[in-house]
Amino acid sequence: MLIADSAVAAHFTGSDMAMARFYNPYTKERSGEKGSIWMYTASIEAVNAILHALAAVKDRGKPELYNAHFDRYAELLAKLYENAEYYMGTFTLVSYTQTKTWSVYGVDRGSYKGGARVEGIYNVYDDQQWLIRELLESYKITGESDYLEMAEYLAEYVLDGWDCTRTSNGEEVGGIPWGPGYVTKHSCSNGPMVSPLVWLHELYKDKDDEIAHRDVDPADKKTRRVQQEKKSDYYLDFAKKIYAWQKRYLLRPDGVYDDMMGGCTPGNISLEVVDLVLYRKGASCKDRVGPAITYNSGTMLSGAVDLYRATGDNAYLADAKKLSDASFGYFATLNATRTGYYTYDISGFRNWFNGVLMRGYAEAYPVYGSVAVPLKSFQDNLDYAYKNSFYKGFLPTNLLLGWSVRKDNNDVEGMFTFAFAAEYAVLAKYEAGKF
């Protein structure tokens, strides 16, 4: 909570909560560059994780922290969502099955609520998916129906991006491109959607609510059709389809996941006319492209665990166990930076990516106790930094090496600080035995 509170105070300014991407606790300077919606969502992730941890500790018979802090974090959560609207905009999209106007989250912050640029490459499906995940986490912990409503709306938008065009044998081409303005199909635009879809299935599995399922008729491979389907079935079937597509095309021989499928045909977005109506054409991507990055394995690990819980299919449990072992063996190196500690690559945005993998381990623990070892590696790294390098509410970007001796060289990404806060909260919930 201290880390999250420090990040909120340092990175957000004004009643509209504009997010500065960087902050230096030594110089007390924040950058003028505004964080993207993905970076902004990291703050929502941290608050959700804290709320869940508070509830877990309360359920273990220690309500003091919950009573003192739950309401204020729930209020902060609502404020974060309210000001996330600065990233929202509206555009009309020609997709594989329809033309529709959508209001979604753009990559960059607009100058007023609802005024962000979102057409084409200015919004991506993975940004919506990270928000869907957090909206559902928020709904589960607060019961606020607005969070569920928005999660389902964004889920409809993302699934509208599923390539449901048909191959010559009538199978769906499959895969969700990085965004409506892209052709390549990425791990990050598919894997993160699996778990939220399972959660939606579980929310509706005892209800008769229906939803429109749009696809392409396998008979003639061109006619667009619409069928009503129970939400519980619709969400679970899509979770299984997306999981299967990513496993088929992006799982490496060493057991972790590559980054994307490229070499698509056509290489640019193409449209076609069917029955005098314009649609997006499908694209078959044939080239698997690396590198392997922690979060792409982390989302599939979480997805395998959730699909196993929902279906009881032991194939998903086997996948979760294999991926747990393979990912820890691939991404963690003992004694590389500091004796007795595991090092994870932290280049680029990997500090946040690594947290996604850690969450996968935490979710896998009830069905695979061996993940206690990688979970301890994350706990140890955080604790080492907290003991040796905690400074004015912040941890350094490199947990095991600490701060630079040059005070002006200690900018920290806001999303990294929020990621550290989220990791601590997830580990607290894990220790409370609530996964």
Protein backbone atom coordinates (compact mmCIF):
# COMPACT_ATOMS: atom_id res chain seq x y z
CA MET A 1 0.00 0.00 0.00
CA LEU A 2 2.86 2.36 0.77
CA ILE A 3 4.37 1.76 -2.65
CA ALA A 4 1.03 2.26 -4.42
CA ASP A 5 0.26 5.42 -2.44
CA SER A 6 3.69 6.82 -3.29
CA ALA A 7 3.15 6.11 -6.98
CA VAL A 8 -0.27 7.77 -7.03
CA ALA A 9 1.07 10.89 -5.34
CA ALA A 10 4.12 11.11 -7.62
CA HIS A 11 2.74 10.19 -11.03
CA PHE A 12 -0.75 11.71 -11.03
CA THR A 13 -1.48 15.42 -11.06
CA GLY A 14 -4.71 17.38 -10.95
CA SER A 15 -8.29 16.28 -10.52
CA ASP A 16 -8.13 14.66 -13.97
CA MET A 17 -5.27 12.39 -12.85
CA ALA A 18 -2.99 12.96 -15.83
CA MET A 19 -0.23 10.36 -15.48
CA ALA A 20 3.43 11.30 -15.80
CA ARG A 21 5.29 8.33 -17.17
CA PHE A 22 8.48 8.85 -15.08
CA TYR A 23 9.30 10.08 -11.59
CA ASN A 24 12.65 10.47 -9.87
CA PRO A 25 12.39 10.18 -6.07
CA TYR A 26 15.86 11.71 -5.63
CA THR A 27 15.21 14.88 -7.66
CA LYS A 28 11.41 14.84 -7.11
CA GLU A 29 10.94 15.52 -10.81
CA ARG A 30 8.26 13.93 -12.98
CA SER A 31 8.46 13.73 -16.75
CA GLY A 32 6.20 15.74 -19.00
CA GLU A 33 5.46 12.67 -21.09
CA LYS A 34 2.03 11.25 -20.33
CA GLY A 35 1.61 7.55 -19.79
CA SER A 36 -0.30 5.45 -22.31
CA ILE A 37 -3.54 3.70 -21.39
CA TRP A 38 -1.54 0.51 -20.83
CA MET A 39 0.69 2.31 -18.33
CA TYR A 40 -2.34 3.92 -16.72
CA THR A 41 -4.03 0.52 -16.35
CA ALA A 42 -1.10 -0.63 -14.21
CA SER A 43 -2.40 1.67 -11.48
CA ILE A 44 -5.83 0.03 -11.66
CA GLU A 45 -4.16 -3.37 -11.48
CA ALA A 46 -2.30 -2.40 -8.30
CA VAL A 47 -5.44 -1.08 -6.61
CA ASN A 48 -7.41 -4.21 -7.55
CA ALA A 49 -4.65 -6.43 -6.19
CA ILE A 50 -4.60 -4.47 -2.93
CA LEU A 51 -8.38 -4.73 -2.56
CA HIS A 52 -8.28 -8.50 -3.09
CA ALA A 53 -5.41 -8.88 -0.63
CA LEU A 54 -7.24 -6.83 1.99
CA ALA A 55 -10.28 -9.05 1.61
CA ALA A 56 -8.14 -12.20 1.83
CA VAL A 57 -6.47 -11.05 5.04
CA LYS A 58 -9.86 -10.11 6.49
CA ASP A 59 -11.18 -13.57 5.68
CA ARG A 60 -8.29 -15.01 7.65
CA GLY A 61 -9.56 -13.25 10.76
CA LYS A 62 -7.53 -10.02 10.57
CA PRO A 63 -9.98 -7.27 9.54
CA GLU A 64 -7.98 -4.27 10.78
CA LEU A 65 -6.29 -3.40 7.47
CA TYR A 66 -9.49 -4.04 5.55
CA ASN A 67 -11.51 -1.77 7.81
CA ALA A 68 -8.91 0.99 7.62
CA HIS A 69 -8.21 0.96 3.89
CA PHE A 70 -10.75 -0.90 1.74
CA ASP A 71 -13.14 2.00 1.22
CA ARG A 72 -10.44 4.49 0.30
CA TYR A 73 -8.98 2.14 -2.30
CA ALA A 74 -12.44 1.43 -3.70
CA GLU A 75 -12.92 5.18 -4.06
CA LEU A 76 -9.51 5.53 -5.72
CA LEU A 77 -10.47 2.73 -8.11
CA ALA A 78 -13.62 4.55 -9.16
CA LYS A 79 -11.65 7.75 -9.70
CA LEU A 80 -9.09 5.95 -11.85
CA TYR A 81 -11.80 4.53 -14.09
CA GLU A 82 -13.53 7.90 -14.31
CA ASN A 83 -10.37 9.58 -15.55
CA ALA A 84 -9.45 6.70 -17.86
CA GLU A 85 -12.18 8.22 -20.03
CA TYR A 86 -9.57 10.70 -21.25
CA TYR A 87 -8.20 7.77 -23.25
CA MET A 88 -11.57 6.91 -24.81
CA GLY A 89 -12.73 7.78 -28.28
CA THR A 90 -15.26 6.68 -30.88
CA PHE A 91 -14.78 5.34 -34.40
CA THR A 92 -16.44 3.14 -36.99
CA LEU A 93 -14.84 -0.20 -37.82
CA VAL A 94 -15.30 -2.55 -40.76
CA SER A 95 -14.59 -5.96 -39.25
CA TYR A 96 -14.78 -9.56 -40.42
CA THR A 97 -18.55 -9.72 -39.84
CA GLN A 98 -20.01 -6.22 -39.57
CA THR A 99 -19.57 -2.46 -39.66
CA LYS A 100 -20.13 -0.90 -36.26
CA THR A 101 -19.32 2.23 -34.29
CA TRP A 102 -17.38 1.60 -31.07
CA SER A 103 -16.22 3.65 -28.11
CA VAL A 104 -12.93 2.15 -26.93
CA TYR A 105 -9.63 3.08 -25.30
CA GLY A 106 -6.93 4.65 -27.42
CA VAL A 107 -3.23 4.24 -26.85
CA ASP A 108 -2.72 7.93 -26.05
CA ARG A 109 -4.55 10.30 -23.74
CA GLY A 110 -6.90 12.83 -25.29
CA SER A 111 -7.41 16.42 -24.22
CA TYR A 112 -10.94 15.74 -22.95
CA LYS A 113 -12.99 12.72 -21.91
CA GLY A 114 -14.03 10.73 -24.96
CA GLY A 115 -11.78 12.77 -27.20
CA ALA A 116 -8.85 10.41 -27.73
CA ARG A 117 -7.84 9.31 -31.20
CA VAL A 118 -8.80 5.65 -31.62
CA GLU A 119 -9.16 4.87 -35.32
CA GLY A 120 -6.85 2.42 -37.05
CA ILE A 121 -3.51 1.95 -35.29
CA TYR A 122 -4.46 4.33 -32.49
CA ASN A 123 -6.13 1.58 -30.49
CA VAL A 124 -4.95 -1.98 -29.94
CA TYR A 125 -6.83 -5.03 -28.74
CA ASP A 126 -4.41 -5.93 -25.96
CA ASP A 127 -5.00 -2.59 -24.22
CA GLN A 128 -8.71 -3.39 -24.13
CA GLN A 129 -7.94 -6.88 -22.81
CA TRP A 130 -5.84 -5.66 -19.87
CA LEU A 131 -8.74 -3.36 -19.00
CA ILE A 132 -11.31 -6.15 -19.36
CA ARG A 133 -9.29 -8.21 -16.90
CA GLU A 134 -9.14 -5.35 -14.40
CA LEU A 135 -12.78 -4.39 -14.84
CA LEU A 136 -13.77 -7.95 -13.97
CA GLU A 137 -11.40 -8.00 -11.00
CA SER A 138 -13.02 -4.74 -9.87
CA TYR A 139 -16.49 -6.18 -10.29
CA LYS A 140 -15.58 -9.30 -8.31
CA ILE A 141 -14.23 -7.32 -5.37
CA THR A 142 -16.72 -4.38 -5.32
CA GLY A 143 -19.88 -5.75 -6.90
CA GLU A 144 -20.28 -2.57 -8.98
CA SER A 145 -22.32 -3.56 -12.03
CA ASP A 146 -20.87 -0.75 -14.19
CA TYR A 147 -17.54 -2.56 -14.18
CA LEU A 148 -19.13 -5.76 -15.49
CA GLU A 149 -21.10 -3.87 -18.13
CA MET A 150 -18.00 -2.16 -19.48
CA ALA A 151 -15.99 -5.39 -19.39
CA GLU A 152 -18.61 -7.14 -21.53
CA TYR A 153 -18.78 -4.24 -23.97
CA LEU A 154 -15.01 -4.29 -24.48
CA ALA A 155 -15.06 -8.09 -24.71
CA GLU A 156 -17.59 -7.80 -27.54
CA TYR A 157 -15.25 -5.36 -29.28
CA VAL A 158 -12.21 -7.61 -28.89
CA LEU A 159 -14.03 -10.73 -30.06
CA ASP A 160 -15.23 -8.75 -33.08
CA GLY A 161 -11.52 -8.78 -33.95
CA TRP A 162 -11.27 -12.59 -33.97
CA ASP A 163 -10.46 -13.72 -37.53
CA CYS A 164 -13.48 -15.90 -38.19
CA THR A 165 -12.91 -16.14 -41.93
CA ARG A 166 -12.55 -19.66 -43.27
CA THR A 167 -9.71 -21.71 -44.71
CA SER A 168 -10.23 -23.90 -47.76
CA ASN A 169 -11.33 -26.78 -45.52
CA GLY A 170 -13.86 -24.64 -43.64
CA GLU A 171 -11.88 -24.07 -40.43
CA GLU A 172 -11.69 -20.62 -38.92
CA VAL A 173 -8.42 -18.85 -39.69
CA GLY A 174 -8.42 -17.69 -36.09
CA GLY A 175 -6.33 -15.31 -34.05
CA ILE A 176 -6.86 -11.70 -33.02
CA PRO A 177 -4.53 -9.16 -34.68
CA TRP A 178 -2.69 -6.67 -32.52
CA GLY A 179 -5.34 -4.08 -33.31
CA PRO A 180 -7.89 -3.16 -35.98
CA GLY A 181 -5.15 -1.33 -37.87
CA TYR A 182 -2.77 -4.32 -37.91
CA VAL A 183 -2.50 -7.70 -39.61
CA THR A 184 0.07 -9.51 -37.43
CA LYS A 185 -1.37 -11.66 -34.67
CA HIS A 186 0.34 -11.43 -31.30
CA SER A 187 0.53 -13.42 -28.10
CA CYS A 188 -0.38 -10.24 -26.26
CA SER A 189 -3.57 -9.77 -28.29
CA ASN A 190 -4.77 -13.33 -27.70
CA GLY A 191 -3.48 -14.86 -24.46
CA PRO A 192 -4.70 -12.08 -22.11
CA MET A 193 -8.27 -12.69 -23.26
CA VAL A 194 -8.51 -16.31 -22.15
CA SER A 195 -8.90 -15.85 -18.40
CA PRO A 196 -11.42 -12.97 -18.56
CA LEU A 197 -13.58 -15.05 -20.90
CA VAL A 198 -13.52 -17.93 -18.42
CA TRP A 199 -14.50 -15.53 -15.64
CA LEU A 200 -17.43 -14.26 -17.74
CA HIS A 201 -18.47 -17.85 -18.38
CA GLU A 202 -18.47 -18.51 -14.66
CA LEU A 203 -20.53 -15.39 -13.97
CA TYR A 204 -23.22 -16.55 -16.42
CA LYS A 205 -23.06 -20.34 -16.17
CA ASP A 206 -26.28 -20.57 -14.12
CA LYS A 207 -28.13 -17.94 -16.16
CA ASP A 208 -29.99 -17.94 -19.47
CA ASP A 209 -28.60 -14.63 -20.80
CA GLU A 210 -27.87 -14.72 -24.52
CA ILE A 211 -25.53 -12.90 -26.88
CA ALA A 212 -25.21 -12.57 -30.65
CA HIS A 213 -22.46 -14.76 -32.10
CA ARG A 214 -21.26 -13.52 -35.49
CA ASP A 215 -19.13 -15.65 -37.78
CA VAL A 216 -18.66 -16.88 -41.35
CA ASP A 217 -20.67 -19.83 -42.64
CA PRO A 218 -18.28 -22.80 -43.10
CA ALA A 219 -20.43 -24.13 -45.94
CA ASP A 220 -19.72 -21.41 -48.51
CA LYS A 221 -16.88 -19.75 -46.57
CA LYS A 222 -18.18 -16.26 -47.22
CA THR A 223 -21.71 -15.70 -45.92
CA ARG A 224 -21.77 -13.78 -42.63
CA ARG A 225 -24.26 -15.16 -40.14
CA VAL A 226 -25.61 -14.19 -36.71
CA GLN A 227 -26.86 -16.71 -34.15
CA GLN A 228 -28.08 -16.24 -30.59
CA GLU A 229 -26.11 -18.21 -28.03
CA LYS A 230 -26.07 -18.55 -24.27
CA LYS A 231 -23.46 -16.21 -22.84
CA SER A 232 -21.97 -18.92 -20.66
CA ASP A 233 -21.32 -21.14 -23.71
CA TYR A 234 -20.23 -18.27 -25.93
CA TYR A 235 -17.58 -17.01 -23.52
CA LEU A 236 -16.19 -20.45 -22.69
CA ASP A 237 -16.07 -21.55 -26.33
CA PHE A 238 -14.13 -18.42 -27.26
CA ALA A 239 -11.73 -18.91 -24.35
CA LYS A 240 -10.99 -22.42 -25.59
CA LYS A 241 -10.63 -21.28 -29.21
CA ILE A 242 -8.23 -18.47 -28.42
CA TYR A 243 -6.17 -20.68 -26.11
CA ALA A 244 -5.99 -23.41 -28.76
CA TRP A 245 -4.97 -20.93 -31.48
CA GLN A 246 -2.10 -19.51 -29.44
CA LYS A 247 -0.91 -22.94 -28.32
CA ARG A 248 -0.99 -24.23 -31.89
CA TYR A 249 0.89 -21.34 -33.45
CA LEU A 250 3.07 -19.74 -30.78
CA LEU A 251 4.17 -22.45 -28.35
CA ARG A 252 7.89 -23.04 -28.81
CA PRO A 253 9.69 -26.42 -28.65
CA ASP A 254 11.28 -25.29 -25.36
CA GLY A 255 7.84 -24.91 -23.79
CA VAL A 256 7.40 -21.11 -23.63
CA TYR A 257 5.56 -18.77 -25.98
CA ASP A 258 6.86 -16.65 -28.84
CA ASP A 259 5.74 -13.09 -29.39
CA MET A 260 3.71 -13.06 -32.61
CA MET A 261 2.76 -14.53 -35.97
CA GLY A 262 4.01 -12.43 -38.87
CA GLY A 263 4.47 -12.88 -42.59
CA CYS A 264 0.73 -12.49 -43.04
CA THR A 265 -1.03 -12.77 -46.39
CA PRO A 266 -2.23 -10.21 -47.25
CA GLY A 267 0.46 -8.06 -45.66
CA ASN A 268 -1.86 -5.09 -45.35
CA ILE A 269 -5.49 -4.85 -44.29
CA SER A 270 -7.72 -5.76 -47.21
CA LEU A 271 -11.46 -5.58 -47.61
CA GLU A 272 -13.90 -7.65 -49.63
CA VAL A 273 -17.50 -7.32 -50.73
CA VAL A 274 -19.92 -10.15 -49.96
CA ASP A 275 -23.58 -9.78 -50.94
CA LEU A 276 -22.98 -6.06 -51.55
CA VAL A 277 -21.63 -5.56 -48.01
CA LEU A 278 -18.04 -4.61 -47.15
CA TYR A 279 -16.05 -6.78 -44.73
CA ARG A 280 -12.45 -7.21 -43.64
CA LYS A 281 -10.65 -10.09 -45.35
CA GLY A 282 -8.92 -12.75 -43.30
CA ALA A 283 -5.14 -12.97 -43.07
CA SER A 284 -3.13 -16.15 -42.68
CA CYS A 285 0.07 -15.47 -40.74
CA LYS A 286 2.77 -18.07 -41.37
CA ASP A 287 5.92 -16.86 -39.60
CA ARG A 288 6.39 -17.30 -35.86
CA VAL A 289 8.46 -14.45 -34.46
CA GLY A 290 10.23 -14.15 -31.12
CA PRO A 291 11.46 -13.37 -28.63
CA ALA A 292 9.86 -15.25 -25.81
CA ILE A 293 8.69 -12.73 -23.20
CA THR A 294 7.44 -13.54 -19.70
CA TYR A 295 3.95 -12.10 -20.01
CA ASN A 296 3.07 -14.18 -23.06
CA SER A 297 3.70 -17.34 -21.06
CA GLY A 298 2.08 -15.80 -17.98
CA THR A 299 -1.28 -15.16 -19.64
CA MET A 300 -1.38 -18.67 -21.06
CA LEU A 301 -0.49 -20.14 -17.68
CA SER A 302 -3.37 -18.24 -16.07
CA GLY A 303 -5.60 -19.26 -18.95
CA ALA A 304 -4.73 -22.95 -18.60
CA VAL A 305 -5.48 -22.86 -14.87
CA ASP A 306 -8.81 -21.11 -15.40
CA LEU A 307 -9.83 -23.43 -18.23
CA TYR A 308 -8.97 -26.43 -16.07
CA ARG A 309 -11.15 -25.08 -13.26
CA ALA A 310 -14.04 -24.39 -15.63
CA THR A 311 -13.90 -27.60 -17.65
CA GLY A 312 -12.15 -30.19 -15.51
CA ASP A 313 -10.15 -31.17 -18.60
CA ASN A 314 -6.83 -32.60 -17.41
CA ALA A 315 -5.13 -31.47 -20.64
CA TYR A 316 -5.24 -27.90 -19.33
CA LEU A 317 -3.76 -29.00 -16.00
CA ALA A 318 -0.94 -30.77 -17.83
CA ASP A 319 -0.33 -27.62 -19.87
CA ALA A 320 -0.20 -25.51 -16.72
CA LYS A 321 2.35 -27.78 -15.07
CA LYS A 322 4.57 -27.95 -18.17
CA LEU A 323 4.42 -24.20 -18.72
CA SER A 324 5.17 -23.46 -15.06
CA ASP A 325 8.33 -25.53 -15.18
CA ALA A 326 9.42 -24.42 -18.64
CA SER A 327 8.90 -20.71 -17.99
CA PHE A 328 10.81 -20.70 -14.70
CA GLY A 329 13.64 -22.64 -16.30
CA TYR A 330 13.74 -20.29 -19.27
CA PHE A 331 13.25 -16.87 -17.67
CA ALA A 332 14.89 -17.16 -14.22
CA THR A 333 18.66 -17.46 -13.70
CA LEU A 334 20.09 -18.23 -10.28
CA ASN A 335 23.11 -16.24 -9.04
CA ALA A 336 23.36 -14.14 -12.20
CA THR A 337 23.10 -10.79 -10.42
CA ARG A 338 23.31 -11.61 -6.73
CA THR A 339 24.22 -14.87 -5.02
CA GLY A 340 21.20 -16.78 -3.83
CA TYR A 341 18.70 -14.80 -5.93
CA TYR A 342 17.03 -15.44 -9.28
CA THR A 343 17.45 -12.81 -11.98
CA TYR A 344 14.74 -12.00 -14.52
CA ASP A 345 15.39 -9.88 -17.59
CA ILE A 346 14.17 -6.33 -16.86
CA SER A 347 15.02 -4.67 -20.18
CA GLY A 348 12.33 -2.66 -21.91
CA PHE A 349 8.98 -3.13 -20.17
CA ARG A 350 9.86 -6.51 -18.69
CA ASN A 351 9.47 -5.41 -15.08
CA TRP A 352 5.74 -5.24 -15.75
CA PHE A 353 5.79 -8.30 -18.02
CA ASN A 354 7.41 -10.34 -15.27
CA GLY A 355 4.56 -9.50 -12.91
CA VAL A 356 2.10 -11.12 -15.32
CA LEU A 357 4.12 -14.33 -15.14
CA MET A 358 4.24 -14.12 -11.36
CA ARG A 359 0.47 -13.80 -11.20
CA GLY A 360 0.22 -16.93 -13.35
CA TYR A 361 2.32 -18.82 -10.81
CA ALA A 362 0.11 -17.59 -7.97
CA GLU A 363 -3.01 -18.73 -9.78
CA ALA A 364 -1.41 -22.10 -10.54
CA TYR A 365 -0.44 -22.80 -6.94
CA PRO A 366 -3.68 -24.53 -5.84
CA VAL A 367 -3.24 -27.13 -8.59
CA TYR A 368 0.57 -27.25 -8.78
CA GLY A 369 2.46 -26.66 -5.56
CA SER A 370 5.86 -26.63 -7.31
CA VAL A 371 5.28 -22.99 -8.32
CA ALA A 372 6.06 -22.08 -4.71
CA VAL A 373 9.71 -21.93 -5.84
CA PRO A 374 9.26 -19.25 -8.52
CA LEU A 375 6.85 -17.37 -6.27
CA LYS A 376 9.54 -17.28 -3.59
CA SER A 377 11.99 -15.91 -6.14
CA PHE A 378 9.74 -12.91 -6.73
CA GLN A 379 9.16 -12.43 -3.00
CA ASP A 380 12.88 -12.60 -2.31
CA ASN A 381 13.72 -10.01 -4.96
CA LEU A 382 11.09 -7.60 -3.71
CA ASP A 383 12.13 -8.08 -0.10
CA TYR A 384 15.80 -7.58 -0.93
CA ALA A 385 15.04 -4.28 -2.65
CA TYR A 386 12.71 -3.19 0.15
CA LYS A 387 15.35 -3.92 2.77
CA ASN A 388 18.30 -2.40 0.93
CA SER A 389 17.01 0.18 -1.54
CA PHE A 390 13.58 1.44 -0.47
CA TYR A 391 13.70 5.22 -0.82
CA LYS A 392 10.86 7.67 -0.15
CA GLY A 393 8.21 5.13 -1.05
CA PHE A 394 9.93 3.74 -4.15
CA LEU A 395 11.85 0.66 -5.23
CA PRO A 396 14.55 0.88 -7.92
CA THR A 397 13.99 -0.44 -11.43
CA ASN A 398 16.66 -3.07 -10.77
CA LEU A 399 15.60 -4.70 -7.53
CA LEU A 400 18.86 -6.56 -7.01
CA LEU A 401 21.34 -3.80 -7.96
CA GLY A 402 19.54 -0.79 -6.49
CA TRP A 403 19.76 2.88 -7.41
CA SER A 404 22.31 4.65 -9.56
CA VAL A 405 24.95 6.72 -7.75
CA ARG A 406 23.91 9.56 -10.06
CA LYS A 407 20.79 11.05 -8.52
CA ASP A 408 19.57 12.36 -11.87
CA ASN A 409 19.73 8.86 -13.33
CA ASN A 410 17.02 7.35 -11.15
CA ASP A 411 13.84 7.87 -13.12
CA VAL A 412 11.34 5.08 -12.49
CA GLU A 413 8.46 4.07 -14.74
CA GLY A 414 5.15 4.59 -13.05
CA MET A 415 3.89 1.25 -14.33
CA PHE A 416 6.90 -0.49 -12.74
CA THR A 417 6.17 0.98 -9.33
CA PHE A 418 2.54 -0.03 -9.64
CA ALA A 419 3.69 -3.48 -10.79
CA PHE A 420 5.80 -3.89 -7.66
CA ALA A 421 2.84 -2.86 -5.51
CA ALA A 422 0.61 -5.33 -7.34
CA GLU A 423 3.16 -8.12 -6.93
CA TYR A 424 3.37 -7.54 -3.19
CA ALA A 425 -0.43 -7.60 -2.95
CA VAL A 426 -0.74 -10.78 -5.03
CA LEU A 427 1.91 -12.44 -2.87
CA ALA A 428 0.04 -11.35 0.27
CA LYS A 429 -3.12 -12.97 -1.06
CA TYR A 430 -1.14 -16.07 -1.97
CA GLU A 431 0.28 -16.27 1.55
CA ALA A 432 -3.24 -15.94 2.93
CA GLY A 433 -4.15 -19.07 0.97
CA LYS A 434 -6.87 -17.54 -1.14
CA PHE A 435 -5.80 -18.60 -4.64
